[in-house]
Structure formats: C-alpha cells, structure tokens
C-alpha cells in the first residue's frame, strides 16, 4: 500500500504507467502466494493490520472446494445454495473459507468452529460467546477479488471494486460525492476520472464499514483529499459525530483492474503497520 502508515506488500512490482489508467503512486501487487493461512504466520501485534486477498477465479480444484464446503455452517451452505449463478455460489464458498482460515491463523480455533453475529446494520463480527482473542475483521468482494482485513480490537473496514464493471460511474458522482470531491474529479483529465471515481468510492465504503453503520451515513457528508504525496485526508461533517484524526486510510491497486481501500481506527498518532498477502485458502 502506498499511503497512510507504514505498509508492506508481500511482493511488489513496478508502478503502472498513466497510459494504463493508474494514478501515479499506486502499485499493482503480484504478491507471493502464501500457503495455507491456517498455518502459523507472523504475529499480529496491537498496531498491525493484515489484509488477505484471494482470487476466486484461480481456484478450481474439486477437493479444495469440497473442503471449503465442510467448514461452513448449515446457514452458510443454505445461503450459498440460494445463489442462482454458479460463479456467485463459488465466490460465496471461497469467501467463507478465506475468513475462517484467516482467523484461525491467529489463534487455536478450527476454521469450522468460528461463529459470527451481525450488528443491526449488518456488519459481521465474531460471536462474543466464543472464547477467542479480540480479533476484528471485515470482508469485501467484487468480480475476481475477495479481501479480508484483520486486526486486534479496533474498528476496521475494507472495500474492493473491479474498475471494469459495467454501469455509470463518473456521471453519477454528483449523487454520492461531496462538492469538493466532484470538483476534484472533474479537474482531472478524462482518462483519469474513472480511476479517481473508484478511489473515492472504495474509500467511502471502507469508512462506513469501519463505522459499522452502513448507508445510514450519507456519502456526501464526508470528503477525501487525495494528493500525489502524503497521507489520505478526510473531512467529516459535524453531524457524523466523529474525529477524522482517529482514522488511517490506505489505497491500493492489487491488480490492473482492482482497487482496494482500507480504513482502520488508530490509537493516537502512531501509524498502523499494514501488511497485505495474496492467498489461496488451504492450498499448498
């Protein structure tokens, strides 16, 4: 990742050129594959955030997929079965495997034993009835990419988007973005506007997910400032009843067609260390 705190990618490649549609300063990750995330990994300290990314289209082994199914609860299996399209059922299964195996990499809990609850806005959390460390996590998925962010006892939100998705983008910015953001978007050359739209969109999604309040927070009541250098800054309207300085934001491009944004709560001025790994759950 490129902005906010001290960040590490497991594997980096050169900067994209503007001709390929990437804003200066964003890197494409071709991260080293990490084998089974249920095996021990480097520890998660109080000021760490780990982001695990997974590419479901690359997972096709029948035995591996069957093992994912066995670790799901009956409710999770029923949810998977309700999807009409096979690609959506596949993504659902891989998502459940990613979060379960990732959480198990930090403590002595089997992947199949995790139980989850949701707050009144729908944000999932580890069930308080579980005797587990105070891990916090957040999930996001889009076509071709799933992300799971994990930290200790701090608010966290992650969002990923596929920038090639169909539908309107720049033309609808005025409906969701602040006047400041719309002005910043329109000031860019046309070839950079779509990319900037997704930068704003994923950052906004990561913030409302970290707050755990979903779209009850109006997207135009907070604004992001993205400079070529320096940290990402956010300005919050008074009615949001929040302190902008308590958040750290990161923005990354994990592939040529994906954008990832992270929002994590901080304790004071100390920057968080963000480490991102690309993984295949249970793969060797």
Foldseek 3Di string as FASTA:
>chain_A
DFFFAAEAEQAWDDDDDCVLQDDPRFTAGPHDADAALLAADDAADQQAKEKEKEFLVVDDDPVLLVVLVVLDDPVLQVVLVPDPDPVSSSVSSQQLLVVLRNQNNHDPDHSSRWDWDADPQGFIATDPVDPDAQKGWEWEDEHGMIMIMIHHPWQKFKYKYFLPDDDDFLVCCVVQAAPVLNVVLVVDDPSNNSVSRVVLVGQLRGVCSSVSNPCVPGRHQKHWDDDSDHHIFMDGHVVVVDDRQQKTKDWHHNHSGMIMIMIIGHDPDHTGYYYYHYYRHNHD
